[in-house]
Amino acid sequence: MLVTPAPPRAARTPVLLGTQLMFNVGFFAVVPFLALVLTADFGLTAAAVGLILGVRTFAQQGMFLVGGVLADRFGARRTILTGCAVRVLGFATLALSLLTPAPQLALFIAGTVLTGLGGALFSPGVNILVADAEQRRAPAGAGHRASLFAWLSVAGEFGAVLGPLVGAALLGWGFVVVALAGAALFVLIAVFLAIALPRRTPASTERGIHGRWWSLRDRRFVAFSALHAADLLAFNQLYLALPLQLARAEAGPAVVAAMFAWVSALTLVLQLPVSRWCHRVGAARALRVGYGLSAAGFVVVAASAVVPLDDPVLIAAVFAAAGLVIVGHLTTNPTAQGLVPRFAGALPTGSFFGLLSTCGGIAVLVGNVAVGALLGWTAVPVAWVLLAVPLVVAAVWAPRVTASAGSADSLSR
């Protein structure tokens, strides 16, 4: 009699959503203040600060593929807990760098890199568990409900709003307290997840399957990941190009803060309805519309950069662009993550989630350098065109690639 192993027990959805919220609270309580410490305590120039923060981002996004492969090999639970431990070490290293008689820049940089590596370990594991929970949901009413990835986005946004408030409240006692509080929070998260997550989580244990770089062998998925990288590059302009455009309109910090509040409000209000709409119309149409909306946002800014306009109109154009970019992101990102299990088929999904994020991280690292250099060309909106073009290409080709997701003939293994 053939005995088949029992399937792994699914992690409960409230645990995953609560985890994402607390991850972002801990992250955004600390990381937004890194630039302040690097300039005030270490006296670095803006260029040096940008380089260090860019390395931190790449240490996270660029290593997602490795984190995904490790999650396939050792299981989502183990990599999530390891990622929490690495982030605790990173935050503790940040604090230690300022506790020495003279601030130690090398220790601070090591701490920033460790915070990124921690995220590269636990985020693919969380995505694996969310994808597993999504597949286990009852099919009834699937076309009228938001995906769990959309709920994950909402939970994360709540954390992104609360985190800086927590960090700002603690900053009066010094950044060391902020960093140690972040470390303590991740210790509590790790203890909670060690208890709450099932010991058997989705990961293949069959000989020759686990730990393989399967996503890189799927040419269709590699193409889709490269196309979808345009979305993360566009989303990151909320923190680079659009604030710089506001500065050109002589808008103060309060206006920049208002733009971020606008983006957060749109995320919290629209993510679930947008996700339900995406389920109704299908992935291909959702991707086409989402990429198109983000591209339209940059076209709006390009037009405002060419046509002579008063500062209030320029500010309104940036807010409109930010709205279009974030709604496009709310449309495409959960849709793309929801497609990962279709591409993976019977294979482990960790390396697939990892490749999707890693391509985005590379696009941000390279694209931000180019965009930053081109933003000085005030007469010609080259930077905004450069941002819009990959989105238009993705709108045309990504739906065609996804049409064969999961079909055997689409894979080259």
Protein backbone atom coordinates (compact mmCIF):
# COMPACT_ATOMS: atom_id res chain seq x y z
CA MET A 1 0.00 0.00 0.00
CA LEU A 2 1.45 3.35 -1.08
CA VAL A 3 1.45 5.95 1.68
CA THR A 4 1.73 9.57 0.56
CA PRO A 5 3.07 12.20 2.94
CA ALA A 6 0.52 14.52 4.49
CA PRO A 7 0.47 18.00 2.97
CA PRO A 8 2.01 20.76 5.08
CA ARG A 9 -0.41 22.53 7.37
CA ALA A 10 -1.24 26.02 6.12
CA ALA A 11 -0.33 29.12 8.07
CA ARG A 12 -3.41 31.08 9.14
CA THR A 13 -4.13 34.26 7.23
CA PRO A 14 -4.39 36.56 10.32
CA VAL A 15 -0.92 35.42 11.37
CA LEU A 16 0.54 36.32 7.97
CA LEU A 17 -1.18 39.71 7.78
CA GLY A 18 -0.29 40.59 11.36
CA THR A 19 3.29 39.57 10.68
CA GLN A 20 3.50 41.83 7.63
CA LEU A 21 2.11 44.76 9.62
CA MET A 22 4.64 44.29 12.44
CA PHE A 23 7.51 43.75 9.97
CA ASN A 24 6.78 47.15 8.46
CA VAL A 25 6.30 48.86 11.82
CA GLY A 26 9.76 47.67 12.88
CA PHE A 27 11.34 48.50 9.53
CA PHE A 28 9.87 51.98 9.09
CA ALA A 29 10.53 52.88 12.72
CA VAL A 30 14.27 52.66 12.00
CA VAL A 31 15.21 52.86 8.31
CA PRO A 32 13.75 56.33 7.45
CA PHE A 33 16.15 57.85 10.00
CA LEU A 34 19.33 56.27 8.60
CA ALA A 35 20.03 59.24 6.32
CA LEU A 36 19.67 61.63 9.25
CA VAL A 37 22.22 59.68 11.32
CA LEU A 38 24.67 59.37 8.42
CA THR A 39 24.69 63.15 7.92
CA ALA A 40 24.41 64.33 11.54
CA ASP A 41 26.59 61.75 13.34
CA PHE A 42 29.01 60.76 10.59
CA GLY A 43 29.08 63.99 8.55
CA LEU A 44 28.68 62.27 5.18
CA THR A 45 27.72 64.05 1.97
CA ALA A 46 24.40 63.44 0.25
CA ALA A 47 26.14 61.39 -2.45
CA ALA A 48 27.75 59.10 0.14
CA VAL A 49 24.45 58.71 1.98
CA GLY A 50 22.72 57.80 -1.28
CA LEU A 51 25.38 55.19 -2.04
CA ILE A 52 25.08 53.54 1.39
CA LEU A 53 21.29 53.47 1.26
CA GLY A 54 21.46 52.12 -2.29
CA VAL A 55 23.69 49.29 -1.11
CA ARG A 56 21.18 48.54 1.67
CA THR A 57 18.32 48.38 -0.82
CA PHE A 58 20.27 46.14 -3.16
CA ALA A 59 21.28 43.87 -0.25
CA GLN A 60 17.55 43.27 0.23
CA GLN A 61 16.01 43.34 -3.23
CA GLY A 62 19.06 41.94 -5.01
CA MET A 63 19.29 38.95 -2.67
CA PHE A 64 15.61 37.98 -2.86
CA LEU A 65 16.40 35.25 -5.36
CA VAL A 66 18.91 33.67 -2.96
CA GLY A 67 16.38 33.98 -0.13
CA GLY A 68 13.73 32.30 -2.26
CA VAL A 69 16.00 29.39 -3.16
CA LEU A 70 16.88 28.93 0.53
CA ALA A 71 13.17 28.94 1.40
CA ASP A 72 12.61 26.20 -1.19
CA ARG A 73 15.48 24.21 0.26
CA PHE A 74 14.92 24.60 4.01
CA GLY A 75 11.27 25.64 4.25
CA ALA A 76 9.55 29.00 4.60
CA ARG A 77 9.33 28.89 8.41
CA ARG A 78 13.06 28.40 8.89
CA THR A 79 14.09 31.18 6.50
CA ILE A 80 11.54 33.60 8.00
CA LEU A 81 12.92 33.01 11.50
CA THR A 82 16.51 33.27 10.23
CA GLY A 83 15.63 36.54 8.49
CA CYS A 84 14.22 37.92 11.75
CA ALA A 85 17.44 36.98 13.55
CA VAL A 86 19.58 38.66 10.88
CA ARG A 87 17.51 41.86 11.08
CA VAL A 88 17.82 41.85 14.90
CA LEU A 89 21.58 41.58 14.44
CA GLY A 90 21.46 44.43 11.91
CA PHE A 91 19.55 46.80 14.18
CA ALA A 92 21.79 45.89 17.13
CA THR A 93 24.87 46.62 14.99
CA LEU A 94 23.44 50.03 14.10
CA ALA A 95 23.08 50.81 17.81
CA LEU A 96 26.54 49.46 18.62
CA SER A 97 28.15 51.71 15.99
CA LEU A 98 27.01 54.75 18.02
CA LEU A 99 27.78 53.32 21.46
CA THR A 100 31.54 53.20 20.91
CA PRO A 101 33.68 56.18 22.10
CA ALA A 102 33.79 57.39 18.48
CA PRO A 103 31.00 56.51 16.00
CA GLN A 104 32.09 53.63 13.79
CA LEU A 105 30.98 54.10 10.17
CA ALA A 106 32.04 50.59 9.13
CA LEU A 107 29.80 49.07 11.81
CA PHE A 108 26.92 51.31 10.78
CA ILE A 109 27.26 50.29 7.13
CA ALA A 110 27.41 46.62 8.19
CA GLY A 111 24.21 47.14 10.17
CA THR A 112 22.41 48.66 7.18
CA VAL A 113 23.46 45.75 4.96
CA LEU A 114 22.33 43.21 7.57
CA THR A 115 18.89 44.85 7.78
CA GLY A 116 18.58 44.37 4.02
CA LEU A 117 19.74 40.76 4.12
CA GLY A 118 17.20 40.00 6.83
CA GLY A 119 14.40 41.18 4.57
CA ALA A 120 15.81 39.15 1.68
CA LEU A 121 15.46 36.04 3.83
CA PHE A 122 12.01 36.45 5.39
CA SER A 123 10.05 38.19 2.63
CA PRO A 124 10.18 35.30 0.08
CA GLY A 125 9.13 32.94 2.88
CA VAL A 126 6.11 35.10 3.68
CA ASN A 127 5.18 35.21 -0.02
CA ILE A 128 5.37 31.41 -0.19
CA LEU A 129 2.99 31.07 2.75
CA VAL A 130 0.58 33.68 1.36
CA ALA A 131 0.54 31.94 -2.04
CA ASP A 132 -0.14 28.62 -0.29
CA ALA A 133 -2.97 30.16 1.75
CA GLU A 134 -4.42 31.76 -1.39
CA GLN A 135 -4.51 28.43 -3.20
CA ARG A 136 -6.25 26.78 -0.24
CA ARG A 137 -9.07 29.35 -0.12
CA ALA A 138 -12.53 28.16 -1.15
CA PRO A 139 -13.12 28.85 -4.86
CA ALA A 140 -16.63 30.17 -4.20
CA GLY A 141 -16.77 33.92 -4.73
CA ALA A 142 -13.14 34.12 -5.89
CA GLY A 143 -14.04 36.62 -8.59
CA HIS A 144 -15.56 39.04 -6.07
CA ARG A 145 -12.95 39.09 -3.32
CA ALA A 146 -9.55 40.67 -2.94
CA SER A 147 -6.50 38.43 -3.13
CA LEU A 148 -4.44 37.76 -0.03
CA PHE A 149 -1.58 39.62 -1.67
CA ALA A 150 -3.81 42.70 -1.75
CA TRP A 151 -4.57 42.23 1.95
CA LEU A 152 -0.82 41.86 2.52
CA SER A 153 -0.29 45.21 0.80
CA VAL A 154 -2.89 46.89 3.03
CA ALA A 155 -1.42 45.40 6.20
CA GLY A 156 2.04 46.48 5.11
CA GLU A 157 0.83 50.02 4.40
CA PHE A 158 -0.63 50.31 7.90
CA GLY A 159 2.80 49.33 9.20
CA ALA A 160 4.49 51.84 6.90
CA VAL A 161 2.27 54.60 8.32
CA LEU A 162 2.69 53.60 11.97
CA GLY A 163 6.43 52.84 11.85
CA PRO A 164 7.76 56.38 11.29
CA LEU A 165 5.44 57.68 14.03
CA VAL A 166 6.91 55.15 16.48
CA GLY A 167 10.45 55.99 15.39
CA ALA A 168 9.88 59.74 15.63
CA ALA A 169 8.44 59.34 19.13
CA LEU A 170 11.55 57.42 20.25
CA LEU A 171 14.07 59.63 18.44
CA GLY A 172 14.04 62.13 21.29
CA TRP A 173 16.03 59.58 23.33
CA GLY A 174 18.51 59.12 20.48
CA PHE A 175 18.83 56.81 17.49
CA VAL A 176 20.38 54.10 19.66
CA VAL A 177 17.04 53.72 21.44
CA VAL A 178 15.22 53.62 18.09
CA ALA A 179 17.50 50.88 16.76
CA LEU A 180 17.33 48.80 19.94
CA ALA A 181 13.54 49.15 20.03
CA GLY A 182 13.41 47.87 16.43
CA ALA A 183 15.61 44.93 17.38
CA ALA A 184 13.40 44.14 20.38
CA LEU A 185 10.30 44.21 18.20
CA PHE A 186 11.82 41.72 15.76
CA VAL A 187 12.77 39.46 18.66
CA LEU A 188 9.11 39.45 19.72
CA ILE A 189 8.02 38.81 16.13
CA ALA A 190 10.41 35.85 15.87
CA VAL A 191 9.16 34.35 19.14
CA PHE A 192 5.55 34.76 18.01
CA LEU A 193 6.21 33.18 14.60
CA ALA A 194 8.16 30.30 16.14
CA ILE A 195 4.98 29.44 18.02
CA ALA A 196 2.36 30.40 15.41
CA LEU A 197 3.83 29.05 12.17
CA PRO A 198 3.37 25.35 11.46
CA ARG A 199 6.63 23.42 11.53
CA ARG A 200 5.86 21.90 8.14
CA THR A 201 5.52 24.70 5.64
CA PRO A 202 5.44 24.62 1.82
CA ALA A 203 8.78 23.40 0.50
CA SER A 204 9.64 20.48 -1.72
CA THR A 205 11.57 17.65 -0.15
CA GLU A 206 11.72 15.40 -3.18
CA ARG A 207 15.19 14.45 -4.36
CA GLY A 208 16.36 16.70 -7.17
CA ILE A 209 13.59 19.27 -6.66
CA HIS A 210 14.42 21.33 -3.61
CA GLY A 211 16.94 24.16 -3.61
CA ARG A 212 17.14 24.39 -7.40
CA TRP A 213 17.16 27.67 -9.33
CA TRP A 214 14.05 26.67 -11.24
CA SER A 215 12.88 30.22 -11.98
CA LEU A 216 16.01 30.93 -14.02
CA ARG A 217 15.23 27.93 -16.24
CA ASP A 218 11.80 29.25 -17.15
CA ARG A 219 12.44 31.68 -19.98
CA ARG A 220 8.86 32.95 -19.92
CA PHE A 221 9.08 33.80 -16.22
CA VAL A 222 12.48 35.45 -16.64
CA ALA A 223 10.92 37.64 -19.35
CA PHE A 224 7.91 38.42 -17.17
CA SER A 225 10.13 39.32 -14.19
CA ALA A 226 12.21 41.64 -16.37
CA LEU A 227 9.07 43.33 -17.70
CA HIS A 228 7.48 43.67 -14.26
CA ALA A 229 10.67 45.33 -12.94
CA ALA A 230 9.32 48.51 -14.53
CA ASP A 231 6.64 48.57 -11.81
CA LEU A 232 9.11 48.65 -8.89
CA LEU A 233 11.23 51.27 -10.67
CA ALA A 234 8.13 53.42 -11.12
CA PHE A 235 7.02 52.91 -7.51
CA ASN A 236 10.43 54.02 -6.21
CA GLN A 237 10.07 57.38 -7.94
CA LEU A 238 7.65 58.26 -5.16
CA TYR A 239 10.81 58.58 -3.06
CA LEU A 240 13.21 60.02 -5.64
CA ALA A 241 12.00 61.80 -8.78
CA LEU A 242 8.62 63.10 -7.62
CA PRO A 243 9.92 64.72 -4.39
CA LEU A 244 12.69 66.36 -6.46
CA GLN A 245 10.05 67.66 -8.85
CA LEU A 246 8.20 69.14 -5.87
CA ALA A 247 11.44 70.82 -4.78
CA ARG A 248 11.66 72.47 -8.22
CA ALA A 249 8.23 73.93 -7.59
CA GLU A 250 9.63 75.33 -4.32
CA ALA A 251 7.38 73.07 -2.27
CA GLY A 252 8.50 72.64 1.32
CA PRO A 253 8.77 69.47 3.43
CA ALA A 254 5.11 69.78 4.45
CA VAL A 255 4.03 69.38 0.81
CA VAL A 256 6.27 66.34 0.36
CA ALA A 257 4.79 64.83 3.53
CA ALA A 258 1.31 65.56 2.17
CA MET A 259 2.16 63.65 -1.01
CA PHE A 260 3.18 60.59 1.02
CA ALA A 261 -0.01 60.88 3.06
CA TRP A 262 -1.96 61.03 -0.22
CA VAL A 263 -0.25 57.88 -1.46
CA SER A 264 -0.89 56.04 1.82
CA ALA A 265 -4.56 57.06 1.81
CA LEU A 266 -5.01 55.80 -1.76
CA THR A 267 -3.36 52.50 -0.83
CA LEU A 268 -5.55 51.91 2.21
CA VAL A 269 -8.78 52.93 0.44
CA LEU A 270 -8.28 51.45 -3.04
CA GLN A 271 -6.14 48.32 -2.71
CA LEU A 272 -8.96 45.90 -1.91
CA PRO A 273 -11.49 47.26 -4.47
CA VAL A 274 -8.76 47.32 -7.12
CA SER A 275 -7.84 43.71 -6.31
CA ARG A 276 -11.49 42.61 -6.65
CA TRP A 277 -11.66 44.34 -10.03
CA CYS A 278 -8.45 42.56 -11.12
CA HIS A 279 -10.00 39.20 -10.21
CA ARG A 280 -13.07 40.00 -12.31
CA VAL A 281 -11.26 41.15 -15.46
CA GLY A 282 -8.34 38.72 -15.35
CA ALA A 283 -4.58 39.09 -15.02
CA ALA A 284 -3.84 40.14 -18.61
CA ARG A 285 -6.19 43.11 -18.60
CA ALA A 286 -5.23 44.11 -15.06
CA LEU A 287 -1.54 44.20 -15.97
CA ARG A 288 -2.20 46.18 -19.13
CA VAL A 289 -4.25 48.79 -17.26
CA GLY A 290 -1.88 48.97 -14.30
CA TYR A 291 1.29 49.54 -16.30
CA GLY A 292 -0.60 52.03 -18.45
CA LEU A 293 -1.74 54.05 -15.44
CA SER A 294 1.80 54.31 -14.08
CA ALA A 295 3.11 55.37 -17.50
CA ALA A 296 0.37 58.00 -17.70
CA GLY A 297 1.58 59.42 -14.40
CA PHE A 298 5.03 60.11 -15.82
CA VAL A 299 3.52 61.53 -19.00
CA VAL A 300 1.64 64.04 -16.81
CA VAL A 301 4.89 65.16 -15.17
CA ALA A 302 6.68 65.29 -18.54
CA ALA A 303 3.97 67.57 -19.92
CA SER A 304 4.13 69.81 -16.86
CA ALA A 305 7.92 70.04 -17.27
CA VAL A 306 7.58 71.30 -20.86
CA VAL A 307 4.60 73.64 -20.57
CA PRO A 308 5.19 76.81 -18.50
CA LEU A 309 2.99 76.45 -15.42
CA ASP A 310 2.63 78.17 -12.07
CA ASP A 311 4.01 76.39 -9.02
CA PRO A 312 0.58 75.39 -7.63
CA VAL A 313 -0.27 73.71 -10.96
CA LEU A 314 3.11 71.94 -11.00
CA ILE A 315 2.45 70.63 -7.49
CA ALA A 316 -1.01 69.44 -8.53
CA ALA A 317 0.56 67.63 -11.51
CA VAL A 318 2.99 65.81 -9.20
CA PHE A 319 0.14 64.76 -6.90
CA ALA A 320 -1.82 63.52 -9.92
CA ALA A 321 1.23 61.60 -11.13
CA ALA A 322 1.76 60.06 -7.69
CA GLY A 323 -1.88 58.98 -7.66
CA LEU A 324 -1.62 57.34 -11.07
CA VAL A 325 1.64 55.58 -10.19
CA ILE A 326 0.34 54.18 -6.90
CA VAL A 327 -2.96 52.98 -8.42
CA GLY A 328 -0.97 51.34 -11.20
CA HIS A 329 1.21 49.64 -8.59
CA LEU A 330 -1.85 48.51 -6.60
CA THR A 331 -3.13 46.91 -9.82
CA THR A 332 0.00 45.21 -11.13
CA ASN A 333 1.96 44.12 -8.05
CA PRO A 334 -0.61 41.82 -6.36
CA THR A 335 -1.56 40.52 -9.80
CA ALA A 336 2.05 39.65 -10.61
CA GLN A 337 2.56 37.94 -7.26
CA GLY A 338 -0.63 35.98 -7.75
CA LEU A 339 0.69 34.70 -11.08
CA VAL A 340 3.82 33.17 -9.53
CA PRO A 341 2.18 29.82 -8.59
CA ARG A 342 0.85 29.53 -12.14
CA PHE A 343 4.33 29.91 -13.58
CA ALA A 344 5.85 27.57 -10.99
CA GLY A 345 3.26 24.83 -11.47
CA ALA A 346 4.29 21.86 -9.33
CA LEU A 347 7.69 23.36 -8.53
CA PRO A 348 8.54 25.23 -5.31
CA THR A 349 7.66 28.92 -5.58
CA GLY A 350 10.46 30.46 -3.51
CA SER A 351 12.96 31.09 -6.31
CA PHE A 352 10.13 32.45 -8.49
CA PHE A 353 9.11 35.04 -5.90
CA GLY A 354 12.79 35.79 -5.38
CA LEU A 355 13.53 36.39 -9.06
CA LEU A 356 10.49 38.68 -9.40
CA SER A 357 11.82 40.92 -6.62
CA THR A 358 15.48 40.69 -7.61
CA CYS A 359 14.75 41.94 -11.14
CA GLY A 360 12.93 44.88 -9.61
CA GLY A 361 15.85 45.60 -7.29
CA ILE A 362 18.32 45.62 -10.18
CA ALA A 363 16.03 47.94 -12.16
CA VAL A 364 15.83 50.35 -9.22
CA LEU A 365 19.59 50.32 -8.64
CA VAL A 366 20.42 51.00 -12.31
CA GLY A 367 17.36 53.09 -13.15
CA ASN A 368 17.68 55.47 -10.21
CA VAL A 369 21.25 56.32 -11.22
CA ALA A 370 20.10 57.14 -14.76
CA VAL A 371 17.01 59.03 -13.61
CA GLY A 372 19.01 61.06 -11.09
CA ALA A 373 21.51 62.05 -13.77
CA LEU A 374 18.80 62.99 -16.29
CA LEU A 375 16.65 65.02 -13.92
CA GLY A 376 19.09 67.89 -14.41
CA TRP A 377 17.91 68.27 -18.00
CA THR A 378 15.13 70.70 -17.21
CA ALA A 379 14.50 71.70 -20.82
CA VAL A 380 13.76 68.19 -22.04
CA PRO A 381 11.76 65.70 -19.89
CA VAL A 382 14.12 62.83 -20.74
CA ALA A 383 13.94 61.27 -17.28
CA TRP A 384 10.15 61.06 -17.32
CA VAL A 385 10.16 59.52 -20.81
CA LEU A 386 12.78 57.02 -19.65
CA LEU A 387 10.44 55.98 -16.82
CA ALA A 388 7.35 55.75 -19.03
CA VAL A 389 8.85 53.68 -21.85
CA PRO A 390 9.51 50.43 -19.87
CA LEU A 391 5.96 50.62 -18.51
CA VAL A 392 4.51 50.91 -22.00
CA VAL A 393 6.63 47.94 -23.12
CA ALA A 394 5.42 45.95 -20.11
CA ALA A 395 1.79 46.87 -20.85
CA VAL A 396 2.16 45.44 -24.35
CA TRP A 397 4.23 42.31 -23.69
CA ALA A 398 3.59 41.17 -20.11
CA PRO A 399 -0.02 40.08 -20.80
CA ARG A 400 1.22 38.00 -23.75
CA VAL A 401 3.83 36.28 -21.58
CA THR A 402 1.33 35.48 -18.83
CA ALA A 403 -1.03 33.88 -21.32
CA SER A 404 1.19 30.78 -21.32
CA ALA A 405 1.93 30.75 -17.58
CA GLY A 406 1.80 27.21 -16.30
CA SER A 407 1.80 25.56 -19.72
CA ALA A 408 4.41 22.87 -20.14
CA ASP A 409 5.62 24.14 -23.51
CA SER A 410 6.44 27.54 -22.05
CA LEU A 411 9.22 26.13 -19.89
CA SER A 412 12.80 25.40 -20.81
CA ARG A 413 14.18 23.13 -18.14
